[in-house]
Amino acid sequence: MSLRADLFAALSAAGTATASIVGSGAAARIYPVLEQAGAVAPYVIFQPIAATPATTHGEAAQVKHTLVQFSCYAATYDGAATLREALIADLDNVPLASGEKPILQDERDGYEPQVDLYRADADFLI
């Protein structure tokens, strides 16, 4: 399973905090890189923003650490922040199907005037 599929599965599974806000299964409003045309808030967009091979002494490592940004969009600041809290609860130090454990690295808040929505970001190292 790809990292993208692992992340979608972890967040869209019925019973997760994130799915209770954005829906579950194939209908979940969780999108890689760009929201779907006509997407209704709240929703999550995620994308890898950096990938770094693990360092070793004298040989190439087969391990790569990927920094993934999750942007939570909602009509209100509180809505975006609540969605980010749910996402963090579902991912931070929780093993994915691959066994990888996302570790929270950073959080940011903002407003996107182009779509008239609040945004709350969380970055995870996976």
PDB file of N, CA and C in Angstrom:
ATOM      1  N   MET A   1       0.853  -1.169   0.000  1.00  0.00           N
ATOM      2  CA  MET A   1       0.000   0.000   0.000  1.00  0.00           C
ATOM      3  C   MET A   1       0.905   1.240   0.000  1.00  0.00           C
ATOM      4  N   SER A   2       0.565   2.243  -0.769  1.00  0.00           N
ATOM      5  CA  SER A   2       1.350   3.466  -0.832  1.00  0.00           C
ATOM      6  C   SER A   2       1.117   4.324   0.409  1.00  0.00           C
ATOM      7  N   LEU A   3       2.015   5.261   0.644  1.00  0.00           N
ATOM      8  CA  LEU A   3       1.853   6.171   1.776  1.00  0.00           C
ATOM      9  C   LEU A   3       0.546   6.945   1.638  1.00  0.00           C
ATOM     10  N   ARG A   4       0.233   7.389   0.443  1.00  0.00           N
ATOM     11  CA  ARG A   4      -1.015   8.127   0.212  1.00  0.00           C
ATOM     12  C   ARG A   4      -2.227   7.274   0.592  1.00  0.00           C
ATOM     13  N   ALA A   5      -2.239   6.011   0.181  1.00  0.00           N
ATOM     14  CA  ALA A   5      -3.352   5.115   0.504  1.00  0.00           C
ATOM     15  C   ALA A   5      -3.408   4.827   2.000  1.00  0.00           C
ATOM     16  N   ASP A   6      -2.229   4.651   2.640  1.00  0.00           N
ATOM     17  CA  ASP A   6      -2.179   4.425   4.087  1.00  0.00           C
ATOM     18  C   ASP A   6      -2.794   5.594   4.850  1.00  0.00           C
ATOM     19  N   LEU A   7      -2.432   6.816   4.450  1.00  0.00           N
ATOM     20  CA  LEU A   7      -2.931   8.005   5.141  1.00  0.00           C
ATOM     21  C   LEU A   7      -4.426   8.167   4.944  1.00  0.00           C
ATOM     22  N   PHE A   8      -4.885   7.970   3.717  1.00  0.00           N
ATOM     23  CA  PHE A   8      -6.326   8.082   3.455  1.00  0.00           C
ATOM     24  C   PHE A   8      -7.091   7.046   4.280  1.00  0.00           C
ATOM     25  N   ALA A   9      -6.595   5.825   4.310  1.00  0.00           N
ATOM     26  CA  ALA A   9      -7.261   4.759   5.067  1.00  0.00           C
ATOM     27  C   ALA A   9      -7.308   5.081   6.555  1.00  0.00           C
ATOM     28  N   ALA A  10      -6.207   5.611   7.104  1.00  0.00           N
ATOM     29  CA  ALA A  10      -6.149   5.917   8.533  1.00  0.00           C
ATOM     30  C   ALA A  10      -7.124   7.022   8.921  1.00  0.00           C
ATOM     31  N   LEU A  11      -7.329   7.989   8.030  1.00  0.00           N
ATOM     32  CA  LEU A  11      -8.184   9.134   8.357  1.00  0.00           C
ATOM     33  C   LEU A  11      -9.642   8.931   7.977  1.00  0.00           C
ATOM     34  N   SER A  12      -9.903   8.073   7.008  1.00  0.00           N
ATOM     35  CA  SER A  12     -11.278   7.911   6.515  1.00  0.00           C
ATOM     36  C   SER A  12     -11.997   6.699   7.105  1.00  0.00           C
ATOM     37  N   ALA A  13     -11.322   5.954   7.955  1.00  0.00           N
ATOM     38  CA  ALA A  13     -11.945   4.764   8.556  1.00  0.00           C
ATOM     39  C   ALA A  13     -13.094   5.179   9.474  1.00  0.00           C
ATOM     40  N   ALA A  14     -14.192   4.474   9.364  1.00  0.00           N
ATOM     41  CA  ALA A  14     -15.340   4.740  10.237  1.00  0.00           C
ATOM     42  C   ALA A  14     -14.891   4.645  11.688  1.00  0.00           C
ATOM     43  N   GLY A  15     -15.352   5.567  12.493  1.00  0.00           N
ATOM     44  CA  GLY A  15     -15.011   5.565  13.902  1.00  0.00           C
ATOM     45  C   GLY A  15     -13.834   6.449  14.259  1.00  0.00           C
ATOM     46  N   THR A  16     -13.092   6.957  13.267  1.00  0.00           N
ATOM     47  CA  THR A  16     -11.995   7.861  13.584  1.00  0.00           C
ATOM     48  C   THR A  16     -12.543   9.262  13.818  1.00  0.00           C
ATOM     49  N   ALA A  17     -11.800  10.054  14.565  1.00  0.00           N
ATOM     50  CA  ALA A  17     -12.223  11.425  14.854  1.00  0.00           C
ATOM     51  C   ALA A  17     -12.316  12.255  13.573  1.00  0.00           C
ATOM     52  N   THR A  18     -11.371  12.062  12.668  1.00  0.00           N
ATOM     53  CA  THR A  18     -11.375  12.819  11.409  1.00  0.00           C
ATOM     54  C   THR A  18     -12.594  12.460  10.572  1.00  0.00           C
ATOM     55  N   ALA A  19     -12.877  11.172  10.442  1.00  0.00           N
ATOM     56  CA  ALA A  19     -14.021  10.731   9.631  1.00  0.00           C
ATOM     57  C   ALA A  19     -15.340  11.245  10.195  1.00  0.00           C
ATOM     58  N   SER A  20     -15.405  11.456  11.500  1.00  0.00           N
ATOM     59  CA  SER A  20     -16.651  11.978  12.079  1.00  0.00           C
ATOM     60  C   SER A  20     -16.928  13.405  11.609  1.00  0.00           C
ATOM     61  N   ILE A  21     -15.906  14.081  11.088  1.00  0.00           N
ATOM     62  CA  ILE A  21     -16.063  15.455  10.612  1.00  0.00           C
ATOM     63  C   ILE A  21     -16.151  15.525   9.081  1.00  0.00           C
ATOM     64  N   VAL A  22     -15.332  14.741   8.383  1.00  0.00           N
ATOM     65  CA  VAL A  22     -15.262  14.856   6.914  1.00  0.00           C
ATOM     66  C   VAL A  22     -15.869  13.665   6.171  1.00  0.00           C
ATOM     67  N   GLY A  23     -16.442  12.724   6.894  1.00  0.00           N
ATOM     68  CA  GLY A  23     -17.035  11.557   6.263  1.00  0.00           C
ATOM     69  C   GLY A  23     -16.070  10.390   6.222  1.00  0.00           C
ATOM     70  N   SER A  24     -16.590   9.218   5.960  1.00  0.00           N
ATOM     71  CA  SER A  24     -15.761   8.013   5.969  1.00  0.00           C
ATOM     72  C   SER A  24     -15.790   7.306   4.626  1.00  0.00           C
ATOM     73  N   GLY A  25     -14.873   6.368   4.475  1.00  0.00           N
ATOM     74  CA  GLY A  25     -14.790   5.572   3.254  1.00  0.00           C
ATOM     75  C   GLY A  25     -14.477   6.406   2.035  1.00  0.00           C
ATOM     76  N   ALA A  26     -14.906   5.923   0.875  1.00  0.00           N
ATOM     77  CA  ALA A  26     -14.607   6.588  -0.392  1.00  0.00           C
ATOM     78  C   ALA A  26     -15.211   7.983  -0.480  1.00  0.00           C
ATOM     79  N   ALA A  27     -16.245   8.267   0.294  1.00  0.00           N
ATOM     80  CA  ALA A  27     -16.896   9.579   0.258  1.00  0.00           C
ATOM     81  C   ALA A  27     -16.211  10.611   1.164  1.00  0.00           C
ATOM     82  N   ALA A  28     -15.170  10.216   1.893  1.00  0.00           N
ATOM     83  CA  ALA A  28     -14.489  11.141   2.802  1.00  0.00           C
ATOM     84  C   ALA A  28     -13.899  12.306   2.024  1.00  0.00           C
ATOM     85  N   ARG A  29     -14.017  13.490   2.594  1.00  0.00           N
ATOM     86  CA  ARG A  29     -13.486  14.700   1.956  1.00  0.00           C
ATOM     87  C   ARG A  29     -12.029  14.900   2.406  1.00  0.00           C
ATOM     88  N   ILE A  30     -11.190  13.957   1.952  1.00  0.00           N
ATOM     89  CA  ILE A  30      -9.751  13.954   2.221  1.00  0.00           C
ATOM     90  C   ILE A  30      -9.081  13.792   0.864  1.00  0.00           C
ATOM     91  N   TYR A  31      -8.286  14.805   0.469  1.00  0.00           N
ATOM     92  CA  TYR A  31      -7.778  14.845  -0.897  1.00  0.00           C
ATOM     93  C   TYR A  31      -6.253  14.966  -0.936  1.00  0.00           C
ATOM     94  N   PRO A  32      -5.606  14.203  -1.821  1.00  0.00           N
ATOM     95  CA  PRO A  32      -4.170  14.393  -2.020  1.00  0.00           C
ATOM     96  C   PRO A  32      -3.930  15.614  -2.917  1.00  0.00           C
ATOM     97  N   VAL A  33      -3.078  16.508  -2.486  1.00  0.00           N
ATOM     98  CA  VAL A  33      -2.564  17.672  -3.216  1.00  0.00           C
ATOM     99  C   VAL A  33      -3.581  18.789  -3.458  1.00  0.00           C
ATOM    100  N   LEU A  34      -4.766  18.481  -3.941  1.00  0.00           N
ATOM    101  CA  LEU A  34      -5.744  19.507  -4.310  1.00  0.00           C
ATOM    102  C   LEU A  34      -7.157  18.999  -4.045  1.00  0.00           C
ATOM    103  N   GLU A  35      -7.995  19.883  -3.504  1.00  0.00           N
ATOM    104  CA  GLU A  35      -9.369  19.453  -3.234  1.00  0.00           C
ATOM    105  C   GLU A  35     -10.103  19.163  -4.542  1.00  0.00           C
ATOM    106  N   GLN A  36     -11.077  18.310  -4.453  1.00  0.00           N
ATOM    107  CA  GLN A  36     -11.908  17.957  -5.594  1.00  0.00           C
ATOM    108  C   GLN A  36     -12.740  19.177  -5.991  1.00  0.00           C
ATOM    109  N   ALA A  37     -12.974  19.370  -7.270  1.00  0.00           N
ATOM    110  CA  ALA A  37     -13.801  20.487  -7.738  1.00  0.00           C
ATOM    111  C   ALA A  37     -15.158  20.440  -7.045  1.00  0.00           C
ATOM    112  N   GLY A  38     -15.579  21.568  -6.490  1.00  0.00           N
ATOM    113  CA  GLY A  38     -16.861  21.639  -5.806  1.00  0.00           C
ATOM    114  C   GLY A  38     -16.862  21.062  -4.405  1.00  0.00           C
ATOM    115  N   ALA A  39     -15.672  20.787  -3.848  1.00  0.00           N
ATOM    116  CA  ALA A  39     -15.589  20.216  -2.502  1.00  0.00           C
ATOM    117  C   ALA A  39     -16.256  21.147  -1.495  1.00  0.00           C
ATOM    118  N   VAL A  40     -16.980  20.558  -0.582  1.00  0.00           N
ATOM    119  CA  VAL A  40     -17.677  21.299   0.464  1.00  0.00           C
ATOM    120  C   VAL A  40     -16.880  21.180   1.763  1.00  0.00           C
ATOM    121  N   ALA A  41     -16.622  22.318   2.396  1.00  0.00           N
ATOM    122  CA  ALA A  41     -15.892  22.323   3.670  1.00  0.00           C
ATOM    123  C   ALA A  41     -16.790  21.773   4.770  1.00  0.00           C
ATOM    124  N   PRO A  42     -16.223  21.145   5.762  1.00  0.00           N
ATOM    125  CA  PRO A  42     -14.796  20.986   6.006  1.00  0.00           C
ATOM    126  C   PRO A  42     -14.189  19.845   5.185  1.00  0.00           C
ATOM    127  N   TYR A  43     -12.890  20.000   4.910  1.00  0.00           N
ATOM    128  CA  TYR A  43     -12.151  18.961   4.195  1.00  0.00           C
ATOM    129  C   TYR A  43     -10.674  19.068   4.525  1.00  0.00           C
ATOM    130  N   VAL A  44      -9.932  18.015   4.148  1.00  0.00           N
ATOM    131  CA  VAL A  44      -8.490  17.937   4.392  1.00  0.00           C
ATOM    132  C   VAL A  44      -7.785  17.740   3.061  1.00  0.00           C
ATOM    133  N   ILE A  45      -6.700  18.485   2.872  1.00  0.00           N
ATOM    134  CA  ILE A  45      -5.798  18.267   1.738  1.00  0.00           C
ATOM    135  C   ILE A  45      -4.452  17.851   2.330  1.00  0.00           C
ATOM    136  N   PHE A  46      -3.831  16.805   1.778  1.00  0.00           N
ATOM    137  CA  PHE A  46      -2.506  16.419   2.253  1.00  0.00           C
ATOM    138  C   PHE A  46      -1.556  16.244   1.090  1.00  0.00           C
ATOM    139  N   GLN A  47      -0.277  16.535   1.371  1.00  0.00           N
ATOM    140  CA  GLN A  47       0.740  16.380   0.340  1.00  0.00           C
ATOM    141  C   GLN A  47       2.127  16.250   0.958  1.00  0.00           C
ATOM    142  N   PRO A  48       2.962  15.402   0.367  1.00  0.00           N
ATOM    143  CA  PRO A  48       4.355  15.335   0.809  1.00  0.00           C
ATOM    144  C   PRO A  48       5.035  16.663   0.449  1.00  0.00           C
ATOM    145  N   ILE A  49       5.801  17.205   1.381  1.00  0.00           N
ATOM    146  CA  ILE A  49       6.499  18.462   1.080  1.00  0.00           C
ATOM    147  C   ILE A  49       8.017  18.310   1.143  1.00  0.00           C
ATOM    148  N   ALA A  50       8.503  17.190   1.636  1.00  0.00           N
ATOM    149  CA  ALA A  50       9.940  16.918   1.653  1.00  0.00           C
ATOM    150  C   ALA A  50      10.158  15.432   1.891  1.00  0.00           C
ATOM    151  N   ALA A  51      11.234  14.907   1.326  1.00  0.00           N
ATOM    152  CA  ALA A  51      11.622  13.517   1.555  1.00  0.00           C
ATOM    153  C   ALA A  51      13.129  13.472   1.738  1.00  0.00           C
ATOM    154  N   THR A  52      13.562  12.867   2.824  1.00  0.00           N
ATOM    155  CA  THR A  52      14.983  12.819   3.161  1.00  0.00           C
ATOM    156  C   THR A  52      15.382  11.386   3.459  1.00  0.00           C
ATOM    157  N   PRO A  53      16.415  10.872   2.771  1.00  0.00           N
ATOM    158  CA  PRO A  53      16.898   9.534   3.121  1.00  0.00           C
ATOM    159  C   PRO A  53      17.508   9.539   4.520  1.00  0.00           C
ATOM    160  N   ALA A  54      17.316   8.462   5.235  1.00  0.00           N
ATOM    161  CA  ALA A  54      17.940   8.328   6.551  1.00  0.00           C
ATOM    162  C   ALA A  54      19.448   8.235   6.379  1.00  0.00           C
ATOM    163  N   THR A  55      20.180   8.837   7.294  1.00  0.00           N
ATOM    164  CA  THR A  55      21.637   8.793   7.200  1.00  0.00           C
ATOM    165  C   THR A  55      22.175   7.567   7.924  1.00  0.00           C
ATOM    166  N   THR A  56      23.249   7.014   7.365  1.00  0.00           N
ATOM    167  CA  THR A  56      23.929   5.867   7.980  1.00  0.00           C
ATOM    168  C   THR A  56      25.434   6.119   7.896  1.00  0.00           C
ATOM    169  N   HIS A  57      26.204   5.235   8.478  1.00  0.00           N
ATOM    170  CA  HIS A  57      27.661   5.348   8.420  1.00  0.00           C
ATOM    171  C   HIS A  57      28.185   4.503   7.263  1.00  0.00           C
ATOM    172  N   GLY A  58      28.499   5.154   6.155  1.00  0.00           N
ATOM    173  CA  GLY A  58      29.213   4.483   5.079  1.00  0.00           C
ATOM    174  C   GLY A  58      28.407   3.734   4.044  1.00  0.00           C
ATOM    175  N   GLU A  59      27.102   3.719   4.132  1.00  0.00           N
ATOM    176  CA  GLU A  59      26.337   3.010   3.105  1.00  0.00           C
ATOM    177  C   GLU A  59      25.001   3.702   2.881  1.00  0.00           C
ATOM    178  N   ALA A  60      24.394   3.407   1.771  1.00  0.00           N
ATOM    179  CA  ALA A  60      23.099   4.006   1.452  1.00  0.00           C
ATOM    180  C   ALA A  60      22.012   3.382   2.326  1.00  0.00           C
ATOM    181  N   ALA A  61      21.128   4.215   2.828  1.00  0.00           N
ATOM    182  CA  ALA A  61      20.024   3.723   3.653  1.00  0.00           C
ATOM    183  C   ALA A  61      18.836   3.389   2.760  1.00  0.00           C
ATOM    184  N   GLN A  62      18.091   2.405   3.146  1.00  0.00           N
ATOM    185  CA  GLN A  62      16.885   2.038   2.411  1.00  0.00           C
ATOM    186  C   GLN A  62      15.651   2.709   3.003  1.00  0.00           C
ATOM    187  N   VAL A  63      15.854   3.593   3.972  1.00  0.00           N
ATOM    188  CA  VAL A  63      14.761   4.252   4.676  1.00  0.00           C
ATOM    189  C   VAL A  63      14.684   5.708   4.242  1.00  0.00           C
ATOM    190  N   LYS A  64      13.473   6.182   4.015  1.00  0.00           N
ATOM    191  CA  LYS A  64      13.257   7.572   3.642  1.00  0.00           C
ATOM    192  C   LYS A  64      12.233   8.164   4.601  1.00  0.00           C
ATOM    193  N   HIS A  65      12.518   9.340   5.122  1.00  0.00           N
ATOM    194  CA  HIS A  65      11.583  10.055   5.984  1.00  0.00           C
ATOM    195  C   HIS A  65      10.851  11.086   5.133  1.00  0.00           C
ATOM    196  N   THR A  66       9.536  11.058   5.166  1.00  0.00           N
ATOM    197  CA  THR A  66       8.730  11.976   4.362  1.00  0.00           C
ATOM    198  C   THR A  66       7.985  12.931   5.277  1.00  0.00           C
ATOM    199  N   LEU A  67       8.100  14.230   4.988  1.00  0.00           N
ATOM    200  CA  LEU A  67       7.353  15.244   5.711  1.00  0.00           C
ATOM    201  C   LEU A  67       6.069  15.495   4.930  1.00  0.00           C
ATOM    202  N   VAL A  68       4.940  15.276   5.581  1.00  0.00           N
ATOM    203  CA  VAL A  68       3.635  15.418   4.928  1.00  0.00           C
ATOM    204  C   VAL A  68       2.866  16.548   5.605  1.00  0.00           C
ATOM    205  N   GLN A  69       2.364  17.469   4.789  1.00  0.00           N
ATOM    206  CA  GLN A  69       1.552  18.579   5.287  1.00  0.00           C
ATOM    207  C   GLN A  69       0.080  18.239   5.124  1.00  0.00           C
ATOM    208  N   PHE A  70      -0.678  18.421   6.203  1.00  0.00           N
ATOM    209  CA  PHE A  70      -2.125  18.255   6.193  1.00  0.00           C
ATOM    210  C   PHE A  70      -2.739  19.629   6.417  1.00  0.00           C
ATOM    211  N   SER A  71      -3.592  20.063   5.504  1.00  0.00           N
ATOM    212  CA  SER A  71      -4.279  21.346   5.627  1.00  0.00           C
ATOM    213  C   SER A  71      -5.754  21.076   5.837  1.00  0.00           C
ATOM    214  N   CYS A  72      -6.263  21.563   6.971  1.00  0.00           N
ATOM    215  CA  CYS A  72      -7.663  21.363   7.347  1.00  0.00           C
ATOM    216  C   CYS A  72      -8.427  22.650   7.074  1.00  0.00           C
ATOM    217  N   TYR A  73      -9.419  22.583   6.213  1.00  0.00           N
ATOM    218  CA  TYR A  73     -10.198  23.755   5.813  1.00  0.00           C
ATOM    219  C   TYR A  73     -11.600  23.685   6.402  1.00  0.00           C
ATOM    220  N   ALA A  74     -12.088  24.845   6.865  1.00  0.00           N
ATOM    221  CA  ALA A  74     -13.447  24.932   7.402  1.00  0.00           C
ATOM    222  C   ALA A  74     -13.931  26.383   7.296  1.00  0.00           C
ATOM    223  N   ALA A  75     -15.225  26.574   7.457  1.00  0.00           N
ATOM    224  CA  ALA A  75     -15.832  27.898   7.339  1.00  0.00           C
ATOM    225  C   ALA A  75     -15.471  28.802   8.513  1.00  0.00           C
ATOM    226  N   THR A  76     -15.088  28.216   9.655  1.00  0.00           N
ATOM    227  CA  THR A  76     -14.719  29.007  10.831  1.00  0.00           C
ATOM    228  C   THR A  76     -13.332  28.595  11.302  1.00  0.00           C
ATOM    229  N   TYR A  77     -12.703  29.497  12.047  1.00  0.00           N
ATOM    230  CA  TYR A  77     -11.398  29.174  12.619  1.00  0.00           C
ATOM    231  C   TYR A  77     -11.519  27.983  13.564  1.00  0.00           C
ATOM    232  N   ASP A  78     -12.532  28.003  14.435  1.00  0.00           N
ATOM    233  CA  ASP A  78     -12.729  26.897  15.378  1.00  0.00           C
ATOM    234  C   ASP A  78     -12.956  25.573  14.653  1.00  0.00           C
ATOM    235  N   GLY A  79     -13.685  25.622  13.545  1.00  0.00           N
ATOM    236  CA  GLY A  79     -13.927  24.412  12.770  1.00  0.00           C
ATOM    237  C   GLY A  79     -12.647  23.829  12.202  1.00  0.00           C
ATOM    238  N   ALA A  80     -11.774  24.696  11.665  1.00  0.00           N
ATOM    239  CA  ALA A  80     -10.497  24.232  11.121  1.00  0.00           C
ATOM    240  C   ALA A  80      -9.611  23.678  12.225  1.00  0.00           C
ATOM    241  N   ALA A  81      -9.568  24.368  13.369  1.00  0.00           N
ATOM    242  CA  ALA A  81      -8.742  23.919  14.488  1.00  0.00           C
ATOM    243  C   ALA A  81      -9.256  22.589  15.065  1.00  0.00           C
ATOM    244  N   THR A  82     -10.557  22.427  15.136  1.00  0.00           N
ATOM    245  CA  THR A  82     -11.147  21.178  15.634  1.00  0.00           C
ATOM    246  C   THR A  82     -10.820  20.018  14.701  1.00  0.00           C
ATOM    247  N   LEU A  83     -10.900  20.261  13.394  1.00  0.00           N
ATOM    248  CA  LEU A  83     -10.551  19.224  12.428  1.00  0.00           C
ATOM    249  C   LEU A  83      -9.081  18.847  12.565  1.00  0.00           C
ATOM    250  N   ARG A  84      -8.205  19.836  12.741  1.00  0.00           N
ATOM    251  CA  ARG A  84      -6.775  19.532  12.925  1.00  0.00           C
ATOM    252  C   ARG A  84      -6.561  18.707  14.193  1.00  0.00           C
ATOM    253  N   GLU A  85      -7.246  19.043  15.281  1.00  0.00           N
ATOM    254  CA  GLU A  85      -7.114  18.271  16.520  1.00  0.00           C
ATOM    255  C   GLU A  85      -7.539  16.819  16.308  1.00  0.00           C
ATOM    256  N   ALA A  86      -8.613  16.613  15.549  1.00  0.00           N
ATOM    257  CA  ALA A  86      -9.074  15.252  15.252  1.00  0.00           C
ATOM    258  C   ALA A  86      -8.025  14.499  14.439  1.00  0.00           C
ATOM    259  N   LEU A  87      -7.475  15.165  13.434  1.00  0.00           N
ATOM    260  CA  LEU A  87      -6.462  14.562  12.578  1.00  0.00           C
ATOM    261  C   LEU A  87      -5.225  14.184  13.398  1.00  0.00           C
ATOM    262  N   ILE A  88      -4.793  15.071  14.276  1.00  0.00           N
ATOM    263  CA  ILE A  88      -3.634  14.785  15.126  1.00  0.00           C
ATOM    264  C   ILE A  88      -3.928  13.585  16.026  1.00  0.00           C
ATOM    265  N   ALA A  89      -5.116  13.528  16.601  1.00  0.00           N
ATOM    266  CA  ALA A  89      -5.481  12.394  17.454  1.00  0.00           C
ATOM    267  C   ALA A  89      -5.439  11.075  16.681  1.00  0.00           C
ATOM    268  N   ASP A  90      -5.825  11.118  15.406  1.00  0.00           N
ATOM    269  CA  ASP A  90      -5.856   9.898  14.591  1.00  0.00           C
ATOM    270  C   ASP A  90      -4.486   9.481  14.066  1.00  0.00           C
ATOM    271  N   LEU A  91      -3.533  10.429  13.957  1.00  0.00           N
ATOM    272  CA  LEU A  91      -2.249  10.111  13.325  1.00  0.00           C
ATOM    273  C   LEU A  91      -1.034  10.133  14.237  1.00  0.00           C
ATOM    274  N   ASP A  92      -0.970  11.040  15.190  1.00  0.00           N
ATOM    275  CA  ASP A  92       0.268  11.242  15.937  1.00  0.00           C
ATOM    276  C   ASP A  92       0.673   9.997  16.715  1.00  0.00           C
ATOM    277  N   ASN A  93       1.797   9.411  16.289  1.00  0.00           N
ATOM    278  CA  ASN A  93       2.378   8.220  16.911  1.00  0.00           C
ATOM    279  C   ASN A  93       1.462   7.001  16.837  1.00  0.00           C
ATOM    280  N   VAL A  94       0.567   6.981  15.844  1.00  0.00           N
ATOM    281  CA  VAL A  94      -0.341   5.854  15.619  1.00  0.00           C
ATOM    282  C   VAL A  94       0.147   5.100  14.381  1.00  0.00           C
ATOM    283  N   PRO A  95       0.452   3.816  14.492  1.00  0.00           N
ATOM    284  CA  PRO A  95       0.985   3.079  13.338  1.00  0.00           C
ATOM    285  C   PRO A  95      -0.006   3.034  12.162  1.00  0.00           C
ATOM    286  N   LEU A  96       0.526   3.267  10.965  1.00  0.00           N
ATOM    287  CA  LEU A  96      -0.244   3.096   9.733  1.00  0.00           C
ATOM    288  C   LEU A  96      -0.227   1.611   9.370  1.00  0.00           C
ATOM    289  N   ALA A  97      -0.953   1.241   8.321  1.00  0.00           N
ATOM    290  CA  ALA A  97      -0.973  -0.157   7.886  1.00  0.00           C
ATOM    291  C   ALA A  97       0.427  -0.656   7.554  1.00  0.00           C
ATOM    292  N   SER A  98       1.296   0.233   7.077  1.00  0.00           N
ATOM    293  CA  SER A  98       2.671  -0.133   6.723  1.00  0.00           C
ATOM    294  C   SER A  98       3.565  -0.316   7.946  1.00  0.00           C
ATOM    295  N   GLY A  99       3.081   0.105   9.121  1.00  0.00           N
ATOM    296  CA  GLY A  99       3.888   0.049  10.334  1.00  0.00           C
ATOM    297  C   GLY A  99       4.575   1.374  10.654  1.00  0.00           C
ATOM    298  N   GLU A 100       4.603   2.286   9.689  1.00  0.00           N
ATOM    299  CA  GLU A 100       5.191   3.608   9.916  1.00  0.00           C
ATOM    300  C   GLU A 100       4.358   4.376  10.934  1.00  0.00           C
ATOM    301  N   LYS A 101       5.023   5.197  11.766  1.00  0.00           N
ATOM    302  CA  LYS A 101       4.325   6.003  12.761  1.00  0.00           C
ATOM    303  C   LYS A 101       4.533   7.487  12.449  1.00  0.00           C
ATOM    304  N   PRO A 102       3.485   8.198  12.063  1.00  0.00           N
ATOM    305  CA  PRO A 102       3.610   9.642  11.852  1.00  0.00           C
ATOM    306  C   PRO A 102       3.884  10.341  13.187  1.00  0.00           C
ATOM    307  N   ILE A 103       4.803  11.299  13.158  1.00  0.00           N
ATOM    308  CA  ILE A 103       5.146  12.077  14.348  1.00  0.00           C
ATOM    309  C   ILE A 103       4.912  13.556  14.026  1.00  0.00           C
ATOM    310  N   LEU A 104       4.070  14.211  14.827  1.00  0.00           N
ATOM    311  CA  LEU A 104       3.750  15.614  14.613  1.00  0.00           C
ATOM    312  C   LEU A 104       5.007  16.467  14.718  1.00  0.00           C
ATOM    313  N   GLN A 105       5.198  17.367  13.740  1.00  0.00           N
ATOM    314  CA  GLN A 105       6.367  18.240  13.703  1.00  0.00           C
ATOM    315  C   GLN A 105       6.031  19.716  13.893  1.00  0.00           C
ATOM    316  N   ASP A 106       4.864  20.150  13.371  1.00  0.00           N
ATOM    317  CA  ASP A 106       4.571  21.584  13.354  1.00  0.00           C
ATOM    318  C   ASP A 106       3.079  21.802  13.147  1.00  0.00           C
ATOM    319  N   GLU A 107       2.595  22.954  13.604  1.00  0.00           N
ATOM    320  CA  GLU A 107       1.208  23.373  13.380  1.00  0.00           C
ATOM    321  C   GLU A 107       1.206  24.847  12.977  1.00  0.00           C
ATOM    322  N   ARG A 108       0.268  25.224  12.077  1.00  0.00           N
ATOM    323  CA  ARG A 108       0.118  26.604  11.645  1.00  0.00           C
ATOM    324  C   ARG A 108      -1.355  26.892  11.420  1.00  0.00           C
ATOM    325  N   ASP A 109      -1.723  28.169  11.523  1.00  0.00           N
ATOM    326  CA  ASP A 109      -3.090  28.610  11.266  1.00  0.00           C
ATOM    327  C   ASP A 109      -3.076  29.682  10.184  1.00  0.00           C
ATOM    328  N   GLY A 110      -4.196  29.814   9.481  1.00  0.00           N
ATOM    329  CA  GLY A 110      -4.289  30.861   8.480  1.00  0.00           C
ATOM    330  C   GLY A 110      -5.694  30.997   7.938  1.00  0.00           C
ATOM    331  N   TYR A 111      -5.800  31.881   6.967  1.00  0.00           N
ATOM    332  CA  TYR A 111      -7.065  32.120   6.285  1.00  0.00           C
ATOM    333  C   TYR A 111      -6.764  32.184   4.797  1.00  0.00           C
ATOM    334  N   GLU A 112      -7.603  31.538   3.998  1.00  0.00           N
ATOM    335  CA  GLU A 112      -7.417  31.507   2.541  1.00  0.00           C
ATOM    336  C   GLU A 112      -8.513  32.332   1.875  1.00  0.00           C
ATOM    337  N   PRO A 113      -8.231  33.610   1.539  1.00  0.00           N
ATOM    338  CA  PRO A 113      -9.265  34.464   0.955  1.00  0.00           C
ATOM    339  C   PRO A 113      -9.773  33.961  -0.400  1.00  0.00           C
ATOM    340  N   GLN A 114      -8.950  33.216  -1.148  1.00  0.00           N
ATOM    341  CA  GLN A 114      -9.366  32.710  -2.463  1.00  0.00           C
ATOM    342  C   GLN A 114     -10.576  31.788  -2.362  1.00  0.00           C
ATOM    343  N   VAL A 115     -10.666  31.048  -1.268  1.00  0.00           N
ATOM    344  CA  VAL A 115     -11.783  30.116  -1.084  1.00  0.00           C
ATOM    345  C   VAL A 115     -12.663  30.503   0.100  1.00  0.00           C
ATOM    346  N   ASP A 116     -12.325  31.621   0.780  1.00  0.00           N
ATOM    347  CA  ASP A 116     -13.076  32.123   1.921  1.00  0.00           C
ATOM    348  C   ASP A 116     -13.218  31.061   3.014  1.00  0.00           C
ATOM    349  N   LEU A 117     -12.082  30.408   3.339  1.00  0.00           N
ATOM    350  CA  LEU A 117     -12.071  29.372   4.371  1.00  0.00           C
ATOM    351  C   LEU A 117     -10.874  29.556   5.293  1.00  0.00           C
ATOM    352  N   TYR A 118     -11.041  29.120   6.537  1.00  0.00           N
ATOM    353  CA  TYR A 118      -9.930  29.082   7.486  1.00  0.00           C
ATOM    354  C   TYR A 118      -9.155  27.800   7.262  1.00  0.00           C
ATOM    355  N   ARG A 119      -7.859  27.867   7.610  1.00  0.00           N
ATOM    356  CA  ARG A 119      -6.959  26.735   7.371  1.00  0.00           C
ATOM    357  C   ARG A 119      -6.144  26.493   8.626  1.00  0.00           C
ATOM    358  N   ALA A 120      -6.067  25.236   9.030  1.00  0.00           N
ATOM    359  CA  ALA A 120      -5.211  24.825  10.153  1.00  0.00           C
ATOM    360  C   ALA A 120      -4.354  23.661   9.665  1.00  0.00           C
ATOM    361  N   ASP A 121      -3.047  23.874   9.654  1.00  0.00           N
ATOM    362  CA  ASP A 121      -2.104  22.877   9.125  1.00  0.00           C
ATOM    363  C   ASP A 121      -1.456  22.080  10.241  1.00  0.00           C
ATOM    364  N   ALA A 122      -1.090  20.847   9.914  1.00  0.00           N
ATOM    365  CA  ALA A 122      -0.268  19.998  10.771  1.00  0.00           C
ATOM    366  C   ALA A 122       0.698  19.251   9.870  1.00  0.00           C
ATOM    367  N   ASP A 123       1.973  19.287  10.214  1.00  0.00           N
ATOM    368  CA  ASP A 123       3.003  18.584   9.457  1.00  0.00           C
ATOM    369  C   ASP A 123       3.452  17.361  10.261  1.00  0.00           C
ATOM    370  N   PHE A 124       3.551  16.232   9.569  1.00  0.00           N
ATOM    371  CA  PHE A 124       3.990  14.977  10.199  1.00  0.00           C
ATOM    372  C   PHE A 124       5.205  14.417   9.478  1.00  0.00           C
ATOM    373  N   LEU A 125       6.169  13.949  10.235  1.00  0.00           N
ATOM    374  CA  LEU A 125       7.293  13.215   9.692  1.00  0.00           C
ATOM    375  C   LEU A 125       6.938  11.736   9.736  1.00  0.00           C
ATOM    376  N   ILE A 126       7.021  11.091   8.582  1.00  0.00           N
ATOM    377  CA  ILE A 126       6.618   9.687   8.483  1.00  0.00           C
ATOM    378  C   ILE A 126       7.775   8.875   7.907  1.00  0.00           C
TER     379      ILE A 126
END
